[in-house]
């Protein structure tokens, strides 16, 4: 006989998933409706409206794809890219690399513009590449690079991309609900995200948004979209007034997304962004007070995801294992080029609270001292609390 499911309690302060808001968890226990029930269709309408507000756009095609954030990535590439298209991708971390892989599988001629992991993609490098490569259809960058904690500036990039008549596409998996996305203001043509980070919902949906230019590119395709399941030409008809059947929507996940978005909109987007900035800055101050070095320069550093260099004398896995065993605290390790070199600490969505800053700093301080790393006791919490007092 299998026992009733009873997983251990954790505080999820890694790169995602983050802890789910209690109201969102409760929404998932709501009884199911049929996916074509008029009451559920109204919930879908509300979800689209809320999603537009949080994405900061009026794009008609703004909906939630069934699948995780990577399904959102694949959705945009399979719909906007055809074999032989030139696609330019900024690569400064793992998820830029993943976009290269996905675009290549679509048959694109991929042009990579690279930067060191931990740095931004400089706009001049994109412009130089566009000057030397004619007829680029699409330029894509990662807004919040989850593997490094870099925040990519978008406005100047967007202006450059549009001067060369290309579509501008952004990975916003770790952005949405944590920092401004400004889809309309920055004229971003398409973006995708996920639910499990700053939205504080479980993984399982990928919100996407497409501008009228992107929708036009989709409608002008020569061939069918290579993926039936991710074909937006059909899926947008299911989410629109036509309600043309495509697949059975994940009802409970859409409940959870609606509730997560409702909480953000009711708190106020600017208040949500300020909360992430306040507690993210406090965490940065506390870590630096321990003598730890942060990977990313301050001006390009995310508040919701912090990458910290591991001291030479400290074993990565030992610290993360001890934090999990002793404190039930999950933080993430490095990926790709940064494997074994950094920890990634998330303060996303519901987790962006002072109690989590205090808990994480105290736990990390204790475990590092166990591992023989010495610093002024209590300095981290004092620095974090001082930052909050001075900035709240």
Protein backbone atom coordinates (compact mmCIF):
# COMPACT_ATOMS: atom_id res chain seq x y z
CA UNK A 1 0.00 0.00 0.00
CA UNK A 2 1.30 3.42 -0.96
CA UNK A 3 1.06 6.08 1.73
CA UNK A 4 -0.90 9.29 1.23
CA UNK A 5 1.14 11.95 -0.52
CA UNK A 6 3.00 13.99 2.10
CA UNK A 7 6.04 15.80 0.66
CA UNK A 8 8.34 17.71 3.05
CA UNK A 9 7.76 21.42 3.60
CA UNK A 10 10.29 23.63 1.85
CA UNK A 11 10.96 27.30 1.37
CA UNK A 12 11.66 27.55 -2.36
CA UNK A 13 14.20 30.33 -2.81
CA UNK A 14 15.98 28.93 -5.84
CA UNK A 15 15.54 30.00 -9.48
CA UNK A 16 12.06 28.46 -9.61
CA UNK A 17 9.57 27.19 -8.90
CA UNK A 18 8.89 29.65 -6.12
CA UNK A 19 6.42 29.14 -3.30
CA UNK A 20 2.81 29.33 -4.45
CA UNK A 21 0.57 31.93 -2.82
CA UNK A 22 -1.94 30.23 -0.45
CA UNK A 23 -4.88 31.79 -2.31
CA UNK A 24 -3.58 30.34 -5.56
CA UNK A 25 -3.26 26.88 -4.02
CA UNK A 26 -6.81 27.19 -2.72
CA UNK A 27 -8.09 28.15 -6.17
CA UNK A 28 -6.78 24.88 -7.58
CA UNK A 29 -9.10 22.93 -5.26
CA UNK A 30 -12.10 24.58 -6.95
CA UNK A 31 -14.34 22.03 -8.74
CA UNK A 32 -13.73 21.66 -12.45
CA UNK A 33 -15.90 23.12 -15.18
CA UNK A 34 -16.04 21.87 -18.73
CA UNK A 35 -13.49 23.64 -20.90
CA UNK A 36 -16.29 24.96 -23.15
CA UNK A 37 -18.67 25.77 -20.30
CA UNK A 38 -19.83 29.42 -20.59
CA UNK A 39 -18.71 30.01 -16.99
CA UNK A 40 -15.20 28.76 -17.80
CA UNK A 41 -15.07 30.84 -20.97
CA UNK A 42 -15.72 33.89 -18.82
CA UNK A 43 -12.81 32.85 -16.57
CA UNK A 44 -10.64 32.64 -19.69
CA UNK A 45 -11.69 36.17 -20.66
CA UNK A 46 -10.80 37.46 -17.20
CA UNK A 47 -7.45 35.68 -17.35
CA UNK A 48 -6.61 37.30 -20.68
CA UNK A 49 -7.60 40.74 -19.39
CA UNK A 50 -5.50 40.32 -16.23
CA UNK A 51 -2.59 39.00 -18.24
CA UNK A 52 -2.63 42.06 -20.50
CA UNK A 53 -2.45 44.29 -17.43
CA UNK A 54 0.48 42.41 -15.91
CA UNK A 55 2.33 42.18 -19.25
CA UNK A 56 1.64 45.93 -19.69
CA UNK A 57 0.10 45.54 -23.14
CA UNK A 58 -3.14 45.87 -25.08
CA UNK A 59 -2.20 43.07 -27.49
CA UNK A 60 -5.29 41.12 -28.48
CA UNK A 61 -3.32 37.89 -28.79
CA UNK A 62 -2.30 37.54 -25.14
CA UNK A 63 -3.05 34.10 -23.77
CA UNK A 64 -1.72 31.17 -21.77
CA UNK A 65 -0.23 28.22 -23.63
CA UNK A 66 -0.62 24.78 -22.06
CA UNK A 67 2.93 23.92 -21.01
CA UNK A 68 5.83 25.36 -19.02
CA UNK A 69 7.93 28.40 -19.93
CA UNK A 70 9.97 26.43 -22.44
CA UNK A 71 6.72 25.64 -24.27
CA UNK A 72 6.25 29.42 -24.53
CA UNK A 73 9.71 29.71 -26.09
CA UNK A 74 8.94 26.97 -28.58
CA UNK A 75 5.51 28.47 -29.33
CA UNK A 76 6.95 31.74 -30.53
CA UNK A 77 9.72 30.20 -32.60
CA UNK A 78 7.61 27.54 -34.35
CA UNK A 79 4.97 30.15 -35.19
CA UNK A 80 7.20 33.03 -36.28
CA UNK A 81 10.11 31.18 -37.89
CA UNK A 82 10.12 29.17 -41.12
CA UNK A 83 12.98 27.16 -42.66
CA UNK A 84 15.63 29.45 -44.09
CA UNK A 85 14.66 32.52 -42.05
CA UNK A 86 17.52 34.49 -40.55
CA UNK A 87 17.17 34.69 -36.76
CA UNK A 88 19.52 36.66 -34.50
CA UNK A 89 19.77 35.62 -30.84
CA UNK A 90 21.59 37.28 -27.97
CA UNK A 91 23.39 34.61 -25.94
CA UNK A 92 24.65 35.50 -22.47
CA UNK A 93 23.40 32.49 -20.54
CA UNK A 94 21.73 29.11 -20.72
CA UNK A 95 18.36 30.33 -21.95
CA UNK A 96 19.87 32.25 -24.83
CA UNK A 97 21.56 28.99 -25.77
CA UNK A 98 18.22 27.21 -25.56
CA UNK A 99 16.66 29.74 -27.95
CA UNK A 100 19.46 28.98 -30.42
CA UNK A 101 18.66 25.27 -30.19
CA UNK A 102 14.92 25.80 -30.67
CA UNK A 103 15.38 28.21 -33.60
CA UNK A 104 17.80 25.78 -35.27
CA UNK A 105 15.23 22.99 -34.99
CA UNK A 106 12.80 25.27 -36.85
CA UNK A 107 15.25 25.37 -39.75
CA UNK A 108 16.39 28.94 -39.10
CA UNK A 109 19.77 30.33 -40.07
CA UNK A 110 20.83 31.38 -36.59
CA UNK A 111 23.19 34.31 -35.98
CA UNK A 112 24.49 34.41 -32.40
CA UNK A 113 25.52 37.63 -30.67
CA UNK A 114 27.40 36.57 -27.56
CA UNK A 115 28.38 38.12 -24.25
CA UNK A 116 30.00 36.68 -21.15
CA UNK A 117 27.67 34.96 -18.68
CA UNK A 118 26.86 37.69 -16.18
CA UNK A 119 27.01 40.55 -18.71
CA UNK A 120 24.30 42.11 -20.86
CA UNK A 121 24.09 41.97 -24.65
CA UNK A 122 25.39 45.38 -25.71
CA UNK A 123 23.02 47.11 -28.18
CA UNK A 124 25.94 48.10 -30.42
CA UNK A 125 26.83 44.43 -30.94
CA UNK A 126 23.28 43.72 -32.13
CA UNK A 127 23.40 46.70 -34.49
CA UNK A 128 26.80 45.68 -35.88
CA UNK A 129 25.44 42.17 -36.54
CA UNK A 130 22.33 43.58 -38.23
CA UNK A 131 24.49 45.75 -40.48
CA UNK A 132 26.42 42.73 -41.71
CA UNK A 133 23.47 40.34 -42.02
CA UNK A 134 20.67 41.45 -44.32
CA UNK A 135 17.00 40.45 -44.06
CA UNK A 136 17.03 39.23 -40.46
CA UNK A 137 13.43 38.31 -39.65
CA UNK A 138 13.62 38.15 -35.88
CA UNK A 139 15.93 39.24 -33.06
CA UNK A 140 15.51 37.57 -29.67
CA UNK A 141 17.02 38.23 -26.24
CA UNK A 142 16.43 37.06 -22.69
CA UNK A 143 15.05 39.92 -20.57
CA UNK A 144 15.79 38.22 -17.22
CA UNK A 145 18.47 35.56 -17.70
CA UNK A 146 17.61 32.99 -15.05
CA UNK A 147 21.00 31.30 -15.27
CA UNK A 148 22.89 34.45 -14.28
CA UNK A 149 20.54 37.05 -12.74
CA UNK A 150 21.16 39.60 -15.51
CA UNK A 151 18.52 42.16 -16.42
CA UNK A 152 18.81 43.02 -20.11
CA UNK A 153 17.88 46.62 -21.05
CA UNK A 154 15.29 46.49 -23.84
CA UNK A 155 14.31 49.95 -25.06
CA UNK A 156 17.42 50.80 -27.08
CA UNK A 157 17.57 47.26 -28.45
CA UNK A 158 13.97 47.50 -29.62
CA UNK A 159 14.66 50.76 -31.47
CA UNK A 160 17.65 49.21 -33.22
CA UNK A 161 15.82 46.01 -34.18
CA UNK A 162 12.89 47.89 -35.67
CA UNK A 163 15.19 50.17 -37.68
CA UNK A 164 16.20 47.01 -39.51
CA UNK A 165 12.57 45.87 -39.93
CA UNK A 166 12.94 42.77 -37.77
CA UNK A 167 10.62 41.42 -35.10
CA UNK A 168 11.78 41.85 -31.49
CA UNK A 169 11.15 38.80 -29.27
CA UNK A 170 11.84 38.51 -25.54
CA UNK A 171 12.10 35.71 -23.00
CA UNK A 172 10.27 37.08 -19.94
CA UNK A 173 9.96 33.90 -17.90
CA UNK A 174 11.59 35.44 -14.81
CA UNK A 175 10.42 38.99 -15.60
CA UNK A 176 6.64 38.92 -15.52
CA UNK A 177 5.25 40.01 -12.17
CA UNK A 178 8.71 40.95 -10.87
CA UNK A 179 9.96 43.85 -12.97
CA UNK A 180 8.33 46.09 -15.61
CA UNK A 181 7.90 44.36 -18.98
CA UNK A 182 6.45 47.38 -20.88
CA UNK A 183 5.48 45.37 -23.95
CA UNK A 184 3.69 48.26 -25.65
CA UNK A 185 5.97 51.08 -24.52
CA UNK A 186 9.08 49.26 -25.76
CA UNK A 187 7.28 47.93 -28.87
CA UNK A 188 8.18 44.32 -28.15
CA UNK A 189 6.65 42.17 -30.86
CA UNK A 190 6.37 38.92 -28.95
CA UNK A 191 7.18 37.63 -25.49
CA UNK A 192 6.74 34.45 -23.52
CA UNK A 193 6.89 33.68 -19.82
CA UNK A 194 6.04 31.08 -17.19
CA UNK A 195 3.81 30.87 -14.15
CA UNK A 196 6.17 29.40 -11.55
CA UNK A 197 8.40 32.35 -10.78
CA UNK A 198 7.19 35.88 -9.95
CA UNK A 199 3.55 35.00 -10.60
CA UNK A 200 3.70 32.51 -7.68
CA UNK A 201 1.60 29.86 -9.39
CA UNK A 202 2.63 26.27 -10.13
CA UNK A 203 4.54 25.48 -13.33
CA UNK A 204 2.33 24.40 -16.20
CA UNK A 205 1.29 27.43 -18.26
CA UNK A 206 3.27 29.73 -20.56
CA UNK A 207 1.71 33.18 -21.04
CA UNK A 208 2.55 34.61 -24.47
CA UNK A 209 1.73 37.92 -26.12
CA UNK A 210 2.04 38.92 -29.78
CA UNK A 211 1.83 42.38 -31.35
CA UNK A 212 -0.09 43.05 -34.54
CA UNK A 213 3.22 42.87 -36.46
CA UNK A 214 3.88 39.40 -35.08
CA UNK A 215 0.34 38.27 -35.85
CA UNK A 216 0.78 39.54 -39.41
CA UNK A 217 4.02 37.55 -39.74
CA UNK A 218 2.16 34.46 -38.54
CA UNK A 219 -0.66 34.99 -41.04
CA UNK A 220 1.87 35.44 -43.90
CA UNK A 221 3.58 32.08 -43.39
CA UNK A 222 4.19 30.03 -46.52
CA UNK A 223 3.78 26.69 -44.74
CA UNK A 224 1.81 25.29 -41.83
CA UNK A 225 3.27 25.69 -38.33
CA UNK A 226 5.38 22.57 -37.73
CA UNK A 227 3.75 21.88 -34.34
CA UNK A 228 0.02 21.14 -34.31
CA UNK A 229 -0.21 21.50 -30.53
CA UNK A 230 1.50 24.91 -30.45
CA UNK A 231 -0.08 26.35 -33.59
CA UNK A 232 -1.27 29.83 -32.61
CA UNK A 233 -3.35 30.18 -35.74
CA UNK A 234 -5.68 27.62 -34.16
CA UNK A 235 -5.12 28.27 -30.46
CA UNK A 236 -5.93 31.97 -30.70
CA UNK A 237 -9.29 30.95 -32.14
CA UNK A 238 -9.96 28.88 -29.02
CA UNK A 239 -9.13 31.84 -26.74
CA UNK A 240 -11.04 34.33 -28.91
CA UNK A 241 -14.77 34.88 -29.28
CA UNK A 242 -14.91 32.03 -31.82
CA UNK A 243 -14.06 29.42 -29.13
CA UNK A 244 -13.02 26.99 -31.84
CA UNK A 245 -12.12 23.72 -30.11
CA UNK A 246 -8.42 22.88 -30.15
CA UNK A 247 -7.51 20.91 -27.03
CA UNK A 248 -8.82 20.43 -23.51
CA UNK A 249 -7.45 23.32 -21.50
CA UNK A 250 -5.82 22.59 -18.10
CA UNK A 251 -8.76 23.94 -16.10
CA UNK A 252 -7.18 24.00 -12.63
CA UNK A 253 -4.01 25.63 -13.93
CA UNK A 254 -6.03 28.42 -15.52
CA UNK A 255 -7.84 28.89 -12.21
CA UNK A 256 -4.43 29.26 -10.56
CA UNK A 257 -3.17 31.75 -13.14
CA UNK A 258 -6.29 33.89 -12.88
CA UNK A 259 -5.94 34.03 -9.10
CA UNK A 260 -2.21 34.78 -9.25
CA UNK A 261 -2.78 37.62 -11.71
CA UNK A 262 -5.71 38.95 -9.66
CA UNK A 263 -3.48 39.21 -6.58
CA UNK A 264 -0.85 41.16 -8.52
CA UNK A 265 -3.32 43.56 -10.13
CA UNK A 266 -5.08 44.18 -6.82
CA UNK A 267 -1.78 44.89 -5.06
CA UNK A 268 -0.88 47.26 -7.88
CA UNK A 269 1.88 46.61 -10.42
CA UNK A 270 4.08 49.46 -9.19
CA UNK A 271 3.76 48.23 -5.62
CA UNK A 272 4.73 44.72 -6.72
CA UNK A 273 7.81 46.02 -8.54
CA UNK A 274 8.82 48.14 -5.54
CA UNK A 275 8.43 45.15 -3.21
CA UNK A 276 10.76 43.04 -5.32
CA UNK A 277 13.28 45.89 -5.55
CA UNK A 278 13.20 46.54 -1.80
CA UNK A 279 13.71 42.98 -0.62
CA UNK A 280 16.02 42.04 -3.48
CA UNK A 281 18.22 45.01 -2.60
CA UNK A 282 18.16 44.00 1.06
CA UNK A 283 19.30 40.48 0.15
CA UNK A 284 22.13 41.90 -1.97
CA UNK A 285 23.28 44.10 0.90
CA UNK A 286 23.18 41.20 3.34
CA UNK A 287 25.16 38.86 1.12
CA UNK A 288 27.82 41.48 0.45
CA UNK A 289 28.09 42.16 4.19
CA UNK A 290 29.13 38.50 4.56
CA UNK A 291 32.00 39.20 2.20
CA UNK A 292 30.32 37.37 -0.69
CA UNK A 293 30.69 38.68 -4.23
CA UNK A 294 27.65 39.06 -6.49
CA UNK A 295 28.08 37.96 -10.10
CA UNK A 296 26.28 40.80 -11.89
CA UNK A 297 27.07 44.51 -11.89
CA UNK A 298 24.60 46.50 -9.81
CA UNK A 299 23.11 48.39 -12.76
CA UNK A 300 22.14 45.15 -14.55
CA UNK A 301 21.28 43.03 -11.53
CA UNK A 302 17.86 41.44 -11.09
CA UNK A 303 16.10 41.96 -7.79
CA UNK A 304 14.12 38.75 -7.98
CA UNK A 305 17.06 36.44 -8.74
CA UNK A 306 20.52 36.92 -7.27
CA UNK A 307 23.67 35.10 -8.35
CA UNK A 308 26.45 35.00 -5.76
CA UNK A 309 29.94 33.65 -6.32
CA UNK A 310 30.87 30.64 -4.17
CA UNK A 311 34.00 31.27 -2.05
CA UNK A 312 37.01 29.20 -3.11
CA UNK A 313 37.12 27.18 0.13
CA UNK A 314 33.42 26.22 0.03
CA UNK A 315 31.81 23.20 -1.64
CA UNK A 316 28.70 24.13 -3.61
CA UNK A 317 26.69 20.93 -3.14
CA UNK A 318 27.55 20.60 0.56
CA UNK A 319 26.10 24.01 1.38
CA UNK A 320 22.91 23.52 -0.62
CA UNK A 321 22.38 20.05 0.85
CA UNK A 322 22.89 21.35 4.40
CA UNK A 323 20.48 24.27 3.85
CA UNK A 324 17.85 21.81 2.67
CA UNK A 325 18.41 19.34 5.52
CA UNK A 326 18.73 21.83 8.38
CA UNK A 327 16.43 24.64 7.31
CA UNK A 328 14.21 23.23 4.56
CA UNK A 329 15.59 26.03 2.38
CA UNK A 330 16.18 25.50 -1.31
CA UNK A 331 18.60 27.68 -3.26
CA UNK A 332 19.90 26.89 -6.74
CA UNK A 333 23.31 26.04 -8.09
CA UNK A 334 24.93 27.29 -11.25
CA UNK A 335 24.20 26.01 -14.75
CA UNK A 336 26.38 25.61 -17.83
CA UNK A 337 29.50 27.78 -17.66
CA UNK A 338 28.69 28.70 -14.04
CA UNK A 339 28.12 25.19 -12.67
CA UNK A 340 29.81 24.90 -9.28
CA UNK A 341 30.75 28.61 -9.35
CA UNK A 342 27.59 30.40 -8.16
CA UNK A 343 24.46 30.02 -6.08
CA UNK A 344 21.19 31.43 -7.38
CA UNK A 345 18.81 32.80 -4.77
CA UNK A 346 15.25 33.71 -5.71
CA UNK A 347 12.95 36.25 -4.07
CA UNK A 348 10.09 35.89 -6.50
CA UNK A 349 6.44 36.81 -6.16
CA UNK A 350 4.96 35.65 -2.85
CA UNK A 351 8.49 34.97 -1.57
CA UNK A 352 9.57 38.60 -1.88
CA UNK A 353 8.99 39.35 1.81
CA UNK A 354 11.21 40.57 4.63
CA UNK A 355 10.79 37.36 6.64
CA UNK A 356 12.32 35.38 3.77
CA UNK A 357 15.28 37.75 3.49
CA UNK A 358 15.92 37.34 7.21
CA UNK A 359 15.46 33.57 7.16
CA UNK A 360 17.70 33.03 4.12
CA UNK A 361 20.52 35.25 5.37
CA UNK A 362 20.47 33.68 8.84
CA UNK A 363 20.44 30.16 7.39
CA UNK A 364 23.23 30.86 4.88
CA UNK A 365 25.28 32.58 7.57
CA UNK A 366 24.96 29.57 9.88
CA UNK A 367 25.81 26.96 7.24
CA UNK A 368 28.78 28.92 5.87
CA UNK A 369 30.22 29.21 9.38
CA UNK A 370 29.81 25.44 9.75
CA UNK A 371 31.83 25.08 6.54
CA UNK A 372 34.66 27.23 7.94
CA UNK A 373 33.86 30.50 6.18
CA UNK A 374 34.31 33.39 8.64
CA UNK A 375 32.88 36.91 8.67
CA UNK A 376 31.44 39.35 11.19
CA UNK A 377 28.55 37.61 12.92
CA UNK A 378 25.23 39.43 12.41
CA UNK A 379 26.60 41.78 9.74
CA UNK A 380 24.34 40.36 7.05
CA UNK A 381 21.08 40.93 8.88
CA UNK A 382 22.15 44.39 10.00
CA UNK A 383 23.00 45.39 6.43
CA UNK A 384 19.73 43.99 5.08
CA UNK A 385 17.62 45.70 7.74
CA UNK A 386 19.44 48.98 7.21
CA UNK A 387 18.72 48.81 3.48
CA UNK A 388 15.02 48.25 4.17
CA UNK A 389 14.84 51.13 6.68
CA UNK A 390 16.50 53.49 4.22
CA UNK A 391 14.48 52.48 1.16
CA UNK A 392 10.98 51.45 2.21
